[in-house]
Amino acid sequence: MANRITKLFNIKYPIIQAGMIWCSGWELASAVSNAGGLGIIGSGSMYPDVLDEQIVKCKLATNKPFAVNLPMIYPDINKHIKLILKHKVPIVFTSAGNPKTWTKLLKDNGIIVVHVVSSLKFALKSELAGVDAVVAEGFEAGGHNGREETTTMALIPIVANELKIPLIAAGGIGTGKGMLAAMSLGADAVQIGSRFVTTPESSAHQNFKNTVVNTKDGGTELTLKELTPVRLIKNEFYNQVQTAYQNNASTEDIKELLGRGRAKKGMFEGDLIEGELEIGQIAGLINEIKPAKDVVKEIINDYLQIKTEIATLDKYNF
């Protein structure tokens, strides 16, 4: 399955595990990398000493390439950058900020840089900033989203038509069929988050994993748009947010209701009532917890099977 992304990252399959806060530690990253994809450590929820330990453990657990996801809004980002350079992390995915800020420094140190965007405008700005590839993430994705609310099916061909560097599709992808669809629209690879949350290697709390498995179609919604748009499971905290909106709460009121540490409380500590439970719309297709290597295998097998079936269709017999 060699293409521009597999060659760029030196991986077997064009499957990227998203760097999700509270869910993507070294266990998950190394498991996905060992399975032939690209595993990512989600550094946005880690203190510098924790990230240091995570990178060391990931290196011990795999001899395959792996990456670190680096949200630019992280308050101690300079310390994270120093650790990435110190450990010679081969690939960095930057997000939530201007790609110009760190791309040159990282690339000057031999690091491959990928930036996450939600629109064509920012994909082209990332390309101009010198990144090696772009992740275009659609409205269906879990966690923090772009304000454009463009779906993955619309976003990928729009970006692919104008971008010259490799393109990774994200948002609403969790199966081989979804992977084939995204690549048919112009993507070189897919980034998958929600499906890897429900693996034993994920650092998410078991309560959260079980809730994701039980989430059905329509069980999530993009909300908190006045602050930073985020897709959540509809739990009690979500209901509190909706009640606040119905009572014409101000942005400050919403900010006070959100408070601090909601995502950690929900996804890492397992508080299903007061926690923020971030997951994508694809949760409606997730019905079991299985090892990361099995998830990768299932996606690839599904991709190859549906690709063969489509290729054998009689084009005159629709």
C-alpha atoms as a PDB file:
ATOM      1  CA  MET A   1       0.000   0.000   0.000  1.00  0.00           C
ATOM      2  CA  ALA A   2       2.901   2.323  -0.707  1.00  0.00           C
ATOM      3  CA  ASN A   3       1.972   5.941  -1.426  1.00  0.00           C
ATOM      4  CA  ARG A   4       3.155   9.445  -0.526  1.00  0.00           C
ATOM      5  CA  ILE A   5       2.238   9.113   3.154  1.00  0.00           C
ATOM      6  CA  THR A   6       3.605   5.626   3.761  1.00  0.00           C
ATOM      7  CA  LYS A   7       6.864   6.697   2.137  1.00  0.00           C
ATOM      8  CA  LEU A   8       6.998   9.994   4.057  1.00  0.00           C
ATOM      9  CA  PHE A   9       6.457   8.307   7.435  1.00  0.00           C
ATOM     10  CA  ASN A  10       8.130   4.985   6.554  1.00  0.00           C
ATOM     11  CA  ILE A  11       5.063   2.985   7.613  1.00  0.00           C
ATOM     12  CA  LYS A  12       3.282  -0.033   6.123  1.00  0.00           C
ATOM     13  CA  TYR A  13      -0.316   1.222   6.075  1.00  0.00           C
ATOM     14  CA  PRO A  14      -1.734   4.744   5.514  1.00  0.00           C
ATOM     15  CA  ILE A  15      -3.493   4.663   8.882  1.00  0.00           C
ATOM     16  CA  ILE A  16      -2.714   7.352  11.454  1.00  0.00           C
ATOM     17  CA  GLN A  17      -3.912   7.103  15.057  1.00  0.00           C
ATOM     18  CA  ALA A  18      -5.020  10.527  16.233  1.00  0.00           C
ATOM     19  CA  GLY A  19      -3.166  12.163  19.118  1.00  0.00           C
ATOM     20  CA  MET A  20      -6.109  12.490  21.477  1.00  0.00           C
ATOM     21  CA  ILE A  21      -5.757  14.085  24.897  1.00  0.00           C
ATOM     22  CA  TRP A  22      -6.232  11.668  27.816  1.00  0.00           C
ATOM     23  CA  CYS A  23      -6.507   8.719  25.414  1.00  0.00           C
ATOM     24  CA  SER A  24      -3.227   8.512  23.470  1.00  0.00           C
ATOM     25  CA  GLY A  25      -0.306   7.456  25.623  1.00  0.00           C
ATOM     26  CA  TRP A  26       2.729   5.382  24.722  1.00  0.00           C
ATOM     27  CA  GLU A  27       0.847   2.071  24.963  1.00  0.00           C
ATOM     28  CA  LEU A  28      -1.587   3.016  22.202  1.00  0.00           C
ATOM     29  CA  ALA A  29       0.977   4.820  20.059  1.00  0.00           C
ATOM     30  CA  SER A  30       3.449   1.925  20.119  1.00  0.00           C
ATOM     31  CA  ALA A  31       0.711  -0.658  19.488  1.00  0.00           C
ATOM     32  CA  VAL A  32      -0.523   1.159  16.373  1.00  0.00           C
ATOM     33  CA  SER A  33       3.022   1.691  15.093  1.00  0.00           C
ATOM     34  CA  ASN A  34       3.866  -1.981  15.682  1.00  0.00           C
ATOM     35  CA  ALA A  35       0.721  -2.908  13.719  1.00  0.00           C
ATOM     36  CA  GLY A  36       1.951  -0.997  10.673  1.00  0.00           C
ATOM     37  CA  GLY A  37       0.244   2.357  11.125  1.00  0.00           C
ATOM     38  CA  LEU A  38       1.534   5.551  12.718  1.00  0.00           C
ATOM     39  CA  GLY A  39       0.905   5.889  16.442  1.00  0.00           C
ATOM     40  CA  ILE A  40       0.773   9.323  18.044  1.00  0.00           C
ATOM     41  CA  ILE A  41       1.337  10.393  21.647  1.00  0.00           C
ATOM     42  CA  GLY A  42      -1.177  13.108  22.569  1.00  0.00           C
ATOM     43  CA  SER A  43       0.935  15.601  24.499  1.00  0.00           C
ATOM     44  CA  GLY A  44      -1.798  18.184  25.072  1.00  0.00           C
ATOM     45  CA  SER A  45      -2.832  16.587  28.364  1.00  0.00           C
ATOM     46  CA  MET A  46       0.693  15.916  29.631  1.00  0.00           C
ATOM     47  CA  TYR A  47       3.051  17.831  31.887  1.00  0.00           C
ATOM     48  CA  PRO A  48       6.584  17.971  30.438  1.00  0.00           C
ATOM     49  CA  ASP A  49       7.892  15.273  32.788  1.00  0.00           C
ATOM     50  CA  VAL A  50       5.012  13.004  31.769  1.00  0.00           C
ATOM     51  CA  LEU A  51       5.702  13.548  28.067  1.00  0.00           C
ATOM     52  CA  ASP A  52       9.379  12.808  28.693  1.00  0.00           C
ATOM     53  CA  GLU A  53       8.474   9.464  30.253  1.00  0.00           C
ATOM     54  CA  GLN A  54       5.939   8.673  27.527  1.00  0.00           C
ATOM     55  CA  ILE A  55       8.456   9.196  24.716  1.00  0.00           C
ATOM     56  CA  VAL A  56      11.063   7.038  26.458  1.00  0.00           C
ATOM     57  CA  LYS A  57       8.558   4.204  26.990  1.00  0.00           C
ATOM     58  CA  CYS A  58       7.296   4.445  23.415  1.00  0.00           C
ATOM     59  CA  LYS A  59      10.843   4.115  22.091  1.00  0.00           C
ATOM     60  CA  LEU A  60      11.349   1.016  24.211  1.00  0.00           C
ATOM     61  CA  ALA A  61       8.050  -0.510  23.028  1.00  0.00           C
ATOM     62  CA  THR A  62       8.538  -0.025  19.279  1.00  0.00           C
ATOM     63  CA  ASN A  63      11.327   0.346  16.747  1.00  0.00           C
ATOM     64  CA  LYS A  64       8.827   1.769  14.267  1.00  0.00           C
ATOM     65  CA  PRO A  65       8.202   5.469  13.578  1.00  0.00           C
ATOM     66  CA  PHE A  66       5.809   7.259  15.927  1.00  0.00           C
ATOM     67  CA  ALA A  67       4.746  10.863  16.393  1.00  0.00           C
ATOM     68  CA  VAL A  68       3.835  13.418  19.047  1.00  0.00           C
ATOM     69  CA  ASN A  69       0.774  15.622  18.673  1.00  0.00           C
ATOM     70  CA  LEU A  70       1.560  19.170  19.789  1.00  0.00           C
ATOM     71  CA  PRO A  71      -1.384  21.561  20.364  1.00  0.00           C
ATOM     72  CA  MET A  72       0.053  25.063  20.079  1.00  0.00           C
ATOM     73  CA  ILE A  73      -2.206  26.377  22.820  1.00  0.00           C
ATOM     74  CA  TYR A  74      -0.352  24.204  25.342  1.00  0.00           C
ATOM     75  CA  PRO A  75       0.957  26.630  28.020  1.00  0.00           C
ATOM     76  CA  ASP A  76       4.415  25.014  28.368  1.00  0.00           C
ATOM     77  CA  ILE A  77       4.939  24.376  24.678  1.00  0.00           C
ATOM     78  CA  ASN A  78       8.586  25.449  24.795  1.00  0.00           C
ATOM     79  CA  LYS A  79       9.324  22.610  27.210  1.00  0.00           C
ATOM     80  CA  HIS A  80       7.525  20.135  24.960  1.00  0.00           C
ATOM     81  CA  ILE A  81       9.547  21.329  21.979  1.00  0.00           C
ATOM     82  CA  LYS A  82      12.783  20.820  23.914  1.00  0.00           C
ATOM     83  CA  LEU A  83      11.770  17.269  24.808  1.00  0.00           C
ATOM     84  CA  ILE A  84      10.849  16.483  21.197  1.00  0.00           C
ATOM     85  CA  LEU A  85      14.244  17.717  20.028  1.00  0.00           C
ATOM     86  CA  LYS A  86      16.052  15.955  22.889  1.00  0.00           C
ATOM     87  CA  HIS A  87      14.500  12.581  22.047  1.00  0.00           C
ATOM     88  CA  LYS A  88      14.701  13.091  18.286  1.00  0.00           C
ATOM     89  CA  VAL A  89      11.006  12.327  17.806  1.00  0.00           C
ATOM     90  CA  PRO A  90      10.747  11.604  14.061  1.00  0.00           C
ATOM     91  CA  ILE A  91       7.328  13.142  13.362  1.00  0.00           C
ATOM     92  CA  VAL A  92       5.291  15.943  14.951  1.00  0.00           C
ATOM     93  CA  PHE A  93       1.641  16.769  14.329  1.00  0.00           C
ATOM     94  CA  THR A  94       0.911  20.388  15.253  1.00  0.00           C
ATOM     95  CA  SER A  95      -2.589  21.752  15.805  1.00  0.00           C
ATOM     96  CA  ALA A  96      -4.609  24.647  17.219  1.00  0.00           C
ATOM     97  CA  GLY A  97      -2.314  27.443  16.111  1.00  0.00           C
ATOM     98  CA  ASN A  98      -0.148  29.021  13.425  1.00  0.00           C
ATOM     99  CA  PRO A  99       2.004  26.395  11.662  1.00  0.00           C
ATOM    100  CA  LYS A 100       4.687  29.014  10.997  1.00  0.00           C
ATOM    101  CA  THR A 101       5.528  29.170  14.694  1.00  0.00           C
ATOM    102  CA  TRP A 102       7.496  25.909  15.036  1.00  0.00           C
ATOM    103  CA  THR A 103       7.689  24.284  11.600  1.00  0.00           C
ATOM    104  CA  LYS A 104      11.080  25.677  10.596  1.00  0.00           C
ATOM    105  CA  LEU A 105      12.747  24.785  13.896  1.00  0.00           C
ATOM    106  CA  LEU A 106      11.374  21.257  13.799  1.00  0.00           C
ATOM    107  CA  LYS A 107      12.287  20.691  10.162  1.00  0.00           C
ATOM    108  CA  ASP A 108      15.769  22.143  10.708  1.00  0.00           C
ATOM    109  CA  ASN A 109      16.201  19.344  13.239  1.00  0.00           C
ATOM    110  CA  GLY A 110      15.168  16.662  10.769  1.00  0.00           C
ATOM    111  CA  ILE A 111      11.609  16.277  12.048  1.00  0.00           C
ATOM    112  CA  ILE A 112       8.677  15.677   9.701  1.00  0.00           C
ATOM    113  CA  VAL A 113       5.892  18.189  10.420  1.00  0.00           C
ATOM    114  CA  VAL A 114       2.160  17.716   9.820  1.00  0.00           C
ATOM    115  CA  HIS A 115      -0.458  20.351  10.648  1.00  0.00           C
ATOM    116  CA  VAL A 116      -4.139  19.757  11.436  1.00  0.00           C
ATOM    117  CA  VAL A 117      -6.703  22.058   9.775  1.00  0.00           C
ATOM    118  CA  SER A 118     -10.447  22.261   9.176  1.00  0.00           C
ATOM    119  CA  SER A 119     -10.562  24.340   5.993  1.00  0.00           C
ATOM    120  CA  LEU A 120      -8.900  24.861   2.619  1.00  0.00           C
ATOM    121  CA  LYS A 121      -7.724  28.317   3.721  1.00  0.00           C
ATOM    122  CA  PHE A 122      -5.644  26.931   6.558  1.00  0.00           C
ATOM    123  CA  ALA A 123      -4.489  23.920   4.549  1.00  0.00           C
ATOM    124  CA  LEU A 124      -2.910  26.276   2.017  1.00  0.00           C
ATOM    125  CA  LYS A 125      -1.419  28.438   4.774  1.00  0.00           C
ATOM    126  CA  SER A 126       0.120  25.301   6.269  1.00  0.00           C
ATOM    127  CA  GLU A 127       1.593  24.356   2.911  1.00  0.00           C
ATOM    128  CA  LEU A 128       3.115  27.840   2.598  1.00  0.00           C
ATOM    129  CA  ALA A 129       4.529  27.473   6.118  1.00  0.00           C
ATOM    130  CA  GLY A 130       6.539  24.471   4.896  1.00  0.00           C
ATOM    131  CA  VAL A 131       4.799  21.546   6.570  1.00  0.00           C
ATOM    132  CA  ASP A 132       5.286  18.124   4.982  1.00  0.00           C
ATOM    133  CA  ALA A 133       1.626  17.081   5.048  1.00  0.00           C
ATOM    134  CA  VAL A 134      -1.779  18.276   6.229  1.00  0.00           C
ATOM    135  CA  VAL A 135      -4.588  16.611   8.175  1.00  0.00           C
ATOM    136  CA  ALA A 136      -7.960  17.953   7.015  1.00  0.00           C
ATOM    137  CA  GLU A 137     -10.519  17.210   9.725  1.00  0.00           C
ATOM    138  CA  GLY A 138     -14.241  17.260   9.038  1.00  0.00           C
ATOM    139  CA  PHE A 139     -17.212  18.206  11.183  1.00  0.00           C
ATOM    140  CA  GLU A 140     -17.852  14.579  12.176  1.00  0.00           C
ATOM    141  CA  ALA A 141     -14.699  14.363  14.295  1.00  0.00           C
ATOM    142  CA  GLY A 142     -14.731  14.066  18.071  1.00  0.00           C
ATOM    143  CA  GLY A 143     -13.153  16.595  20.400  1.00  0.00           C
ATOM    144  CA  HIS A 144     -12.264  20.105  19.282  1.00  0.00           C
ATOM    145  CA  ASN A 145     -13.431  21.005  15.813  1.00  0.00           C
ATOM    146  CA  GLY A 146     -13.160  23.853  13.340  1.00  0.00           C
ATOM    147  CA  ARG A 147     -15.825  26.544  13.219  1.00  0.00           C
ATOM    148  CA  GLU A 148     -16.569  25.914   9.535  1.00  0.00           C
ATOM    149  CA  GLU A 149     -18.568  22.745  10.200  1.00  0.00           C
ATOM    150  CA  THR A 150     -17.574  21.326   6.803  1.00  0.00           C
ATOM    151  CA  THR A 151     -18.120  17.580   6.562  1.00  0.00           C
ATOM    152  CA  THR A 152     -15.247  15.268   5.682  1.00  0.00           C
ATOM    153  CA  MET A 153     -16.857  14.227   2.397  1.00  0.00           C
ATOM    154  CA  ALA A 154     -17.003  17.873   1.284  1.00  0.00           C
ATOM    155  CA  LEU A 155     -13.716  19.008   2.835  1.00  0.00           C
ATOM    156  CA  ILE A 156     -11.347  16.363   1.433  1.00  0.00           C
ATOM    157  CA  PRO A 157     -11.987  16.904  -2.295  1.00  0.00           C
ATOM    158  CA  ILE A 158     -11.997  20.682  -1.789  1.00  0.00           C
ATOM    159  CA  VAL A 159      -8.554  20.540  -0.180  1.00  0.00           C
ATOM    160  CA  ALA A 160      -7.210  17.801  -2.474  1.00  0.00           C
ATOM    161  CA  ASN A 161      -7.994  19.894  -5.545  1.00  0.00           C
ATOM    162  CA  GLU A 162      -5.546  22.624  -4.500  1.00  0.00           C
ATOM    163  CA  LEU A 163      -3.026  21.104  -2.091  1.00  0.00           C
ATOM    164  CA  LYS A 164       0.255  19.819  -3.519  1.00  0.00           C
ATOM    165  CA  ILE A 165       1.619  18.115  -0.405  1.00  0.00           C
ATOM    166  CA  PRO A 166       0.183  14.843   1.006  1.00  0.00           C
ATOM    167  CA  LEU A 167      -3.289  15.007   2.527  1.00  0.00           C
ATOM    168  CA  ILE A 168      -4.607  12.980   5.480  1.00  0.00           C
ATOM    169  CA  ALA A 169      -8.374  12.762   5.964  1.00  0.00           C
ATOM    170  CA  ALA A 170      -9.913  12.817   9.448  1.00  0.00           C
ATOM    171  CA  GLY A 171     -13.398  12.933  10.907  1.00  0.00           C
ATOM    172  CA  GLY A 172     -16.000  10.184  10.798  1.00  0.00           C
ATOM    173  CA  ILE A 173     -13.591   7.480   9.631  1.00  0.00           C
ATOM    174  CA  GLY A 174     -13.358   4.211  11.539  1.00  0.00           C
ATOM    175  CA  THR A 175     -13.688   1.434   8.980  1.00  0.00           C
ATOM    176  CA  GLY A 176     -11.992   0.232   5.828  1.00  0.00           C
ATOM    177  CA  LYS A 177     -14.996   1.423   3.823  1.00  0.00           C
ATOM    178  CA  GLY A 178     -14.550   4.901   5.268  1.00  0.00           C
ATOM    179  CA  MET A 179     -10.851   4.735   4.505  1.00  0.00           C
ATOM    180  CA  LEU A 180     -11.512   3.807   0.871  1.00  0.00           C
ATOM    181  CA  ALA A 181     -14.085   6.588   0.554  1.00  0.00           C
ATOM    182  CA  ALA A 182     -11.654   9.192   1.917  1.00  0.00           C
ATOM    183  CA  MET A 183      -8.835   8.048  -0.339  1.00  0.00           C
ATOM    184  CA  SER A 184     -11.184   7.990  -3.332  1.00  0.00           C
ATOM    185  CA  LEU A 185     -11.922  11.653  -2.594  1.00  0.00           C
ATOM    186  CA  GLY A 186      -8.224  12.529  -2.772  1.00  0.00           C
ATOM    187  CA  ALA A 187      -6.683  11.698   0.603  1.00  0.00           C
ATOM    188  CA  ASP A 188      -3.356   9.855   0.843  1.00  0.00           C
ATOM    189  CA  ALA A 189      -4.160   8.429   4.276  1.00  0.00           C
ATOM    190  CA  VAL A 190      -6.684   8.551   7.089  1.00  0.00           C
ATOM    191  CA  GLN A 191      -6.394   9.677  10.685  1.00  0.00           C
ATOM    192  CA  ILE A 192      -8.603   7.730  13.081  1.00  0.00           C
ATOM    193  CA  GLY A 193      -9.338   8.704  16.664  1.00  0.00           C
ATOM    194  CA  SER A 194     -12.591   7.376  18.072  1.00  0.00           C
ATOM    195  CA  ARG A 195     -12.015   3.783  16.960  1.00  0.00           C
ATOM    196  CA  PHE A 196      -8.709   3.666  18.831  1.00  0.00           C
ATOM    197  CA  VAL A 197     -10.246   5.095  22.007  1.00  0.00           C
ATOM    198  CA  THR A 198     -12.006   1.767  22.527  1.00  0.00           C
ATOM    199  CA  THR A 199      -8.863  -0.367  22.671  1.00  0.00           C
ATOM    200  CA  PRO A 200      -7.232  -1.887  25.761  1.00  0.00           C
ATOM    201  CA  GLU A 201      -4.103   0.155  25.028  1.00  0.00           C
ATOM    202  CA  SER A 202      -5.940   3.478  25.126  1.00  0.00           C
ATOM    203  CA  SER A 203      -5.336   5.438  28.324  1.00  0.00           C
ATOM    204  CA  ALA A 204      -9.018   6.444  28.451  1.00  0.00           C
ATOM    205  CA  HIS A 205     -10.997   5.277  31.492  1.00  0.00           C
ATOM    206  CA  GLN A 206     -12.921   2.028  31.088  1.00  0.00           C
ATOM    207  CA  ASN A 207     -16.168   3.848  31.912  1.00  0.00           C
ATOM    208  CA  PHE A 208     -15.596   6.142  28.955  1.00  0.00           C
ATOM    209  CA  LYS A 209     -14.708   3.262  26.622  1.00  0.00           C
ATOM    210  CA  ASN A 210     -17.880   1.417  27.604  1.00  0.00           C
ATOM    211  CA  THR A 211     -19.945   4.554  27.041  1.00  0.00           C
ATOM    212  CA  VAL A 212     -18.485   5.018  23.555  1.00  0.00           C
ATOM    213  CA  VAL A 213     -19.371   1.422  22.670  1.00  0.00           C
ATOM    214  CA  ASN A 214     -22.953   2.077  23.804  1.00  0.00           C
ATOM    215  CA  THR A 215     -23.300   5.416  21.984  1.00  0.00           C
ATOM    216  CA  LYS A 216     -25.718   5.246  19.076  1.00  0.00           C
ATOM    217  CA  ASP A 217     -26.421   7.357  16.014  1.00  0.00           C
ATOM    218  CA  GLY A 218     -27.252  10.894  17.147  1.00  0.00           C
ATOM    219  CA  GLY A 219     -25.591  10.382  20.513  1.00  0.00           C
ATOM    220  CA  THR A 220     -23.080  13.219  20.035  1.00  0.00           C
ATOM    221  CA  GLU A 221     -23.331  16.908  19.201  1.00  0.00           C
ATOM    222  CA  LEU A 222     -20.988  19.768  18.365  1.00  0.00           C
ATOM    223  CA  THR A 223     -21.444  22.415  21.049  1.00  0.00           C
ATOM    224  CA  LEU A 224     -19.670  25.144  23.090  1.00  0.00           C
ATOM    225  CA  LYS A 225     -19.095  27.059  19.841  1.00  0.00           C
ATOM    226  CA  GLU A 226     -18.708  30.382  21.682  1.00  0.00           C
ATOM    227  CA  LEU A 227     -15.545  29.003  23.292  1.00  0.00           C
ATOM    228  CA  THR A 228     -13.986  26.244  21.180  1.00  0.00           C
ATOM    229  CA  PRO A 229     -16.350  23.967  19.229  1.00  0.00           C
ATOM    230  CA  VAL A 230     -16.227  20.445  20.643  1.00  0.00           C
ATOM    231  CA  ARG A 231     -18.157  17.259  19.831  1.00  0.00           C
ATOM    232  CA  LEU A 232     -19.452  15.546  22.972  1.00  0.00           C
ATOM    233  CA  ILE A 233     -21.539  12.572  24.005  1.00  0.00           C
ATOM    234  CA  LYS A 234     -24.918  13.722  25.301  1.00  0.00           C
ATOM    235  CA  ASN A 235     -24.541  13.167  29.039  1.00  0.00           C
ATOM    236  CA  GLU A 236     -25.595  15.183  32.104  1.00  0.00           C
ATOM    237  CA  PHE A 237     -22.900  17.826  31.554  1.00  0.00           C
ATOM    238  CA  TYR A 238     -24.094  18.231  27.966  1.00  0.00           C
ATOM    239  CA  ASN A 239     -27.642  18.671  29.294  1.00  0.00           C
ATOM    240  CA  GLN A 240     -26.412  21.405  31.652  1.00  0.00           C
ATOM    241  CA  VAL A 241     -24.891  23.217  28.674  1.00  0.00           C
ATOM    242  CA  GLN A 242     -28.159  22.979  26.722  1.00  0.00           C
ATOM    243  CA  THR A 243     -30.117  24.300  29.703  1.00  0.00           C
ATOM    244  CA  ALA A 244     -27.707  27.233  29.941  1.00  0.00           C
ATOM    245  CA  TYR A 245     -28.300  28.041  26.272  1.00  0.00           C
ATOM    246  CA  GLN A 246     -32.071  27.867  26.749  1.00  0.00           C
ATOM    247  CA  ASN A 247     -31.696  30.367  29.604  1.00  0.00           C
ATOM    248  CA  ASN A 248     -29.764  32.740  27.303  1.00  0.00           C
ATOM    249  CA  ALA A 249     -26.487  32.287  29.172  1.00  0.00           C
ATOM    250  CA  SER A 250     -23.679  34.635  28.231  1.00  0.00           C
ATOM    251  CA  THR A 251     -20.299  33.464  26.964  1.00  0.00           C
ATOM    252  CA  GLU A 252     -18.898  34.138  30.422  1.00  0.00           C
ATOM    253  CA  ASP A 253     -21.647  32.013  31.974  1.00  0.00           C
ATOM    254  CA  ILE A 254     -20.826  29.154  29.594  1.00  0.00           C
ATOM    255  CA  LYS A 255     -17.129  29.517  30.380  1.00  0.00           C
ATOM    256  CA  GLU A 256     -17.861  29.348  34.113  1.00  0.00           C
ATOM    257  CA  LEU A 257     -20.040  26.263  33.623  1.00  0.00           C
ATOM    258  CA  LEU A 258     -17.281  24.526  31.667  1.00  0.00           C
ATOM    259  CA  GLY A 259     -14.685  25.332  34.311  1.00  0.00           C
ATOM    260  CA  ARG A 260     -11.403  23.442  34.173  1.00  0.00           C
ATOM    261  CA  GLY A 261     -10.544  19.786  33.795  1.00  0.00           C
ATOM    262  CA  ARG A 262     -13.860  18.572  32.369  1.00  0.00           C
ATOM    263  CA  ALA A 263     -12.200  16.450  29.681  1.00  0.00           C
ATOM    264  CA  LYS A 264      -9.842  14.830  32.179  1.00  0.00           C
ATOM    265  CA  LYS A 265     -12.733  14.201  34.550  1.00  0.00           C
ATOM    266  CA  GLY A 266     -14.760  12.454  31.893  1.00  0.00           C
ATOM    267  CA  MET A 267     -12.330  10.639  29.621  1.00  0.00           C
ATOM    268  CA  PHE A 268      -9.462   9.883  32.014  1.00  0.00           C
ATOM    269  CA  GLU A 269     -11.156   9.658  35.407  1.00  0.00           C
ATOM    270  CA  GLY A 270     -14.400   8.108  34.162  1.00  0.00           C
ATOM    271  CA  ASP A 271     -16.919  10.612  35.543  1.00  0.00           C
ATOM    272  CA  LEU A 272     -19.813  10.023  33.136  1.00  0.00           C
ATOM    273  CA  ILE A 273     -22.046  12.617  34.807  1.00  0.00           C
ATOM    274  CA  GLU A 274     -19.956  15.775  35.142  1.00  0.00           C
ATOM    275  CA  GLY A 275     -17.194  14.937  32.685  1.00  0.00           C
ATOM    276  CA  GLU A 276     -16.748  16.115  29.110  1.00  0.00           C
ATOM    277  CA  LEU A 277     -16.948  13.002  26.922  1.00  0.00           C
ATOM    278  CA  GLU A 278     -15.320  13.835  23.584  1.00  0.00           C
ATOM    279  CA  ILE A 279     -15.932  11.387  20.741  1.00  0.00           C
ATOM    280  CA  GLY A 280     -16.791  11.440  17.040  1.00  0.00           C
ATOM    281  CA  GLN A 281     -19.990  10.593  15.204  1.00  0.00           C
ATOM    282  CA  ILE A 282     -18.411   7.283  14.122  1.00  0.00           C
ATOM    283  CA  ALA A 283     -19.089   6.072  17.683  1.00  0.00           C
ATOM    284  CA  GLY A 284     -22.415   4.846  16.328  1.00  0.00           C
ATOM    285  CA  LEU A 285     -20.471   2.161  14.423  1.00  0.00           C
ATOM    286  CA  ILE A 286     -18.215   1.131  17.316  1.00  0.00           C
ATOM    287  CA  ASN A 287     -19.647  -1.849  19.186  1.00  0.00           C
ATOM    288  CA  GLU A 288     -16.723  -3.569  20.889  1.00  0.00           C
ATOM    289  CA  ILE A 289     -13.368  -3.095  22.588  1.00  0.00           C
ATOM    290  CA  LYS A 290     -10.522  -4.846  20.814  1.00  0.00           C
ATOM    291  CA  PRO A 291      -6.698  -4.544  20.647  1.00  0.00           C
ATOM    292  CA  ALA A 292      -5.216  -1.823  18.462  1.00  0.00           C
ATOM    293  CA  LYS A 293      -3.461  -4.348  16.216  1.00  0.00           C
ATOM    294  CA  ASP A 294      -6.811  -6.018  15.542  1.00  0.00           C
ATOM    295  CA  VAL A 295      -8.402  -2.665  14.733  1.00  0.00           C
ATOM    296  CA  VAL A 296      -5.675  -1.945  12.166  1.00  0.00           C
ATOM    297  CA  LYS A 297      -6.020  -5.445  10.689  1.00  0.00           C
ATOM    298  CA  GLU A 298      -9.805  -5.153  10.502  1.00  0.00           C
ATOM    299  CA  ILE A 299      -9.635  -1.774   8.761  1.00  0.00           C
ATOM    300  CA  ILE A 300      -7.098  -2.956   6.195  1.00  0.00           C
ATOM    301  CA  ASN A 301      -8.989  -6.189   5.471  1.00  0.00           C
ATOM    302  CA  ASP A 302     -12.237  -4.265   5.129  1.00  0.00           C
ATOM    303  CA  TYR A 303     -10.539  -1.742   2.826  1.00  0.00           C
ATOM    304  CA  LEU A 304      -9.098  -4.436   0.571  1.00  0.00           C
ATOM    305  CA  GLN A 305     -12.341  -6.410   0.453  1.00  0.00           C
ATOM    306  CA  ILE A 306     -14.559  -3.493  -0.523  1.00  0.00           C
ATOM    307  CA  LYS A 307     -11.964  -2.249  -3.001  1.00  0.00           C
ATOM    308  CA  THR A 308     -12.013  -5.659  -4.715  1.00  0.00           C
ATOM    309  CA  GLU A 309     -15.802  -5.794  -4.708  1.00  0.00           C
ATOM    310  CA  ILE A 310     -16.061  -2.369  -6.312  1.00  0.00           C
ATOM    311  CA  ALA A 311     -13.447  -3.254  -8.916  1.00  0.00           C
ATOM    312  CA  THR A 312     -15.454  -6.306 -10.005  1.00  0.00           C
ATOM    313  CA  LEU A 313     -18.746  -4.435 -10.456  1.00  0.00           C
ATOM    314  CA  ASP A 314     -20.145  -4.401 -13.962  1.00  0.00           C
ATOM    315  CA  LYS A 315     -20.066  -0.689 -14.731  1.00  0.00           C
ATOM    316  CA  TYR A 316     -23.032  -1.078 -17.083  1.00  0.00           C
ATOM    317  CA  ASN A 317     -25.204  -2.882 -14.534  1.00  0.00           C
ATOM    318  CA  PHE A 318     -26.192  -0.281 -11.951  1.00  0.00           C
END
